[in-house]
Amino acid sequence: MHGRPGAVPSPAAADTSQSGTLEGEEFVQFYKALTKRAEVQELFESFSADGQKLTLLEFLDFLREKQKERDCTSELALELIDRYEPSDSGKLRHVLSMDGFLSYLCSKDGDIFNPACLPIYQDMTQPLNHYFICSSHNTYLVGDQLCGQSSVEGYIRALKRGCRCVEVDVWDGPSGEPVVYHGHTLTSRILFKDVVATVAQYAFQTSDYPVILSLETHCSWEQQQTMARHLTEILGEQLLSTTLDGVLPTQLPSPEELRRKILVKGKKLTLEEDLEYEEEEAEPELEESELALESQFETEPEPQEQNLQNKDKKKKSKPILCPALSSLVIYLKSVSFRSFTHSKEHYHFYEISSFSETKAKRLIKEAGNEFVQHNTWQLSRVYPSGLRTDSSNYNPQELWNAGCQMVAMNMQTAGLEMDICDGHFRQNGGCGYVLKPDFLRDIQSSFHPEKPISPFKAQTLLIQVISGQQLPKVDKTKEGSIVDPLVKVQIFGVRLDTARQETNYVENNGFNPYWGQTLCFRVLVPELAMLRFVVMDYDWKSRNDFIGQYTLPWTCMQQGEPAPLTPGQYPSSGCLPNAVLLPLPGYRHIHLLSKDGISLRPASIFVYICIQEGLEGDES
C-alpha cells in the first residue's frame, strides 16, 4: 500500500458547538471539507496567482499547457467560464473559482472521452462493408441458450443500445404462424410477427442508420410465405425491398443512403441458380472437436440438420425456399464459406458469410491477411460458439482486428466482453456504425493482425492514476465494509498490444483514495486499441471484487501536447527512450459505469494522460 492517504472528514469534528447536530455554518464547513479535493486544489493553485481564483489569462494558460488546447482562444476560455463558474460575480469578472474549476474538470470538457467523438463525426457515405456494425446474437433470448426465456424485450434492449443487426431464428408454429426460439432447446417461443412489430417500433429510436434482420429460417414453404407477408405489411416503407436505384449495384450502399431502412439478411434464390440454392451452414456451426460435446445439449436433430453433417445425404433433402421471402433479400444474401479463394472466384460483394468464433479465430491465425482482404469487399458475420450455452461472450476485439464487420454478441450478458463492445460503439453518436481504419478498407492491404508491421506507428501511453472519488461499497450487506480500491488499466488490440497493469491498493478508503502512480504502455496499432479502466476492491482472501469500469477506443482519448521532460521526470518503468518529446498530461476524469453499463456518478477516478508518437514502423 502506497500513496497519500485521504482522511474522510468527521461530522463530530465539524460540530464545533457540540450540539449533536450540524447547523448553519457548521454544515457549510462540513460540506466543504467533505468535497475538498487536495490534488485538484494543488493543481488550481499552481496556476492561480492568489490561490483564490483563475483569471481569464491564467485559465487560458492552463488550457493551453495542460489540456491539449494549444490553439485555445480567449473566446473559448470565456465560454468555459460562463458554462462552469457557479457565481454570477465570477462570470461578470471573467474568473474561475475553485468550485468552477472542479466543475470544469468533472464535465464532458474534462472527461477522458474526447467530446468531438461523441456526435456522428465519421464519414457515413462509404459502403456498408467499410464499417464495424454493432450486432446481436440470438437477440430474442434474455437468458441462457438452453432454457432461457425468449422475449421481444431482447430486441427492445438491443435496439435501444444502438445495435444495428439483430438475429431472428424462425420455425414453424401452430395455426400457421411462424415462431421465434432457439431450435431443439427448451427456450420459450414468441411469434415472428410480434418480433417484426417490435423492430418496426424501436429500430430508429436510438439511431437513424439501417437495421439488419439476420434471418435463420427453418420454416416450411407456407410459413415462409407468412413471414414474407408479415415483413412487407408490418414494416411497410421501412423495409428495403428493392435496390436503391432499381439497377444491379456495383458496391454495397452506404449507411447514409440506407437511413431509416430495414434490410433482410438471409438465403436467396436467383434465376442463375435455377432454384438450386446451397444452404448456408446453420448455427451452431461447430468444429469437429465441439460436435460431440454439443450433442449433449440438443435433442435429436431433424433430418434436415443431420444432412448438414452428412454431405452424402445433403442433396436428397434440400429445403425449399419461398420466392416471396427470397425476393426481400436485396444486398445481404447468405452464402456458405469454403475458402477465401472460392469466395473471390464465385461470390459477389452483396453476399455474406457467417463464421463460428472458432472457425474465424483459426482463419485469423492461418490466413490473417487474406481474411483482412476478404473483409474489404464482402461482409462477414461472426457468432459465438454453440458451446456457450450460458450465453457467455468472446472478446470481439480479435475479430475486429481482422476487419470482421458483424461480430455478434450475447448482449444480455454483462462483463468484460460487452464492456469492450459498448466502449467501441460509444463513439460516432452511438449510431451502431464505426468506420474501420483505412488499412482494413484497402483491398490490397498488407495488414496481418497477428504480425503488424510498418507503416503503422507505435505509440507510448503514460497514465498517472491520481485519485478516486466516492467509490461505492461492493458488499453492502457486510457491516462496516470499506473498500480497499486499486485501479487496473487494460489495453485490448492486436495480440502484441494486449496488456494490463495496476496500481497498489489504498486501504479502507473508497471516499477519496489517492494513488499517484504512473503506468506505461507501448502500442503498435493504436487505431485498433481499446482502453479499459477497472476499479477493484482488493481482497487478500479471494478474487478482487469489481467496483466499476470505463472502456473507450484509444483514438477517442483526450490527451496532452508534446513538451520536453528531463530524464529525472521519466517514470520508473523505463519504457521510454532517453531522448524524446513527451506530452504534458491532460487532466481527465473517468466517470465509472456498473457491470450493466449504468452510470455510478459521482464515482470517478482522476488521471492524466499523455501519448508519445513512436518512429515510423517501430515495433520495439
Foldseek 3Di string as FASTA:
>chain_A
DDFDFDDADDLCVLPPVNPPDQDDVSVVVNVCSLPDDVVLLVVQVVQDPVSFKAALVSQVVCCCAFFAPVVDDSVVLLVLCVVQAPDPVCNVRRIHGSNSSVSCCLDQSNAQFFPCFQAQDDDQFDFPLQWFFAAADLQQFLFFQAATEGHLVSVLVCQQLQHQEYEFEWEQDPPLFIWTGRPQHNYDIDTPLVNLLSCLVRNPPQAQFHHEYEYNYPYAQSSLVVNLVSNCVRNPPQQDLADPVNDDDQAHGTRVSNGSHYAYAEAADDVVCVQVDDHAQHPPDDDPVCVVVLVVRGDDDDPQNVCSVPVVCNVVDPGGDHNSNRSSHYQEHEDYDDDLVCCVVPHALSYEYEEEPVRLLVCLVVPLQSLLLSSLRHAYAYEYHSVRRRQDFDACQSVVLSSHRHDHGNLSDFDDRVLQSSQACSTSNSNRIDRAPPLSNDNPRPARLQDGFPQFWKKKKKKFFFKKAQFDFDDPVDPPDAFFKKKKKFKDHRPVQTDIDIFGTHPRDPHIGTTRAMDMGMGRHLSSMKMKMWMWGDDPVDDTHTGFMHMHRSVRTRWFAWDDDQQVPDHPVPPDDHDFTKGNWHKHKHFTADSSRHTPPPIITIMTMIMGIGDRGDDD
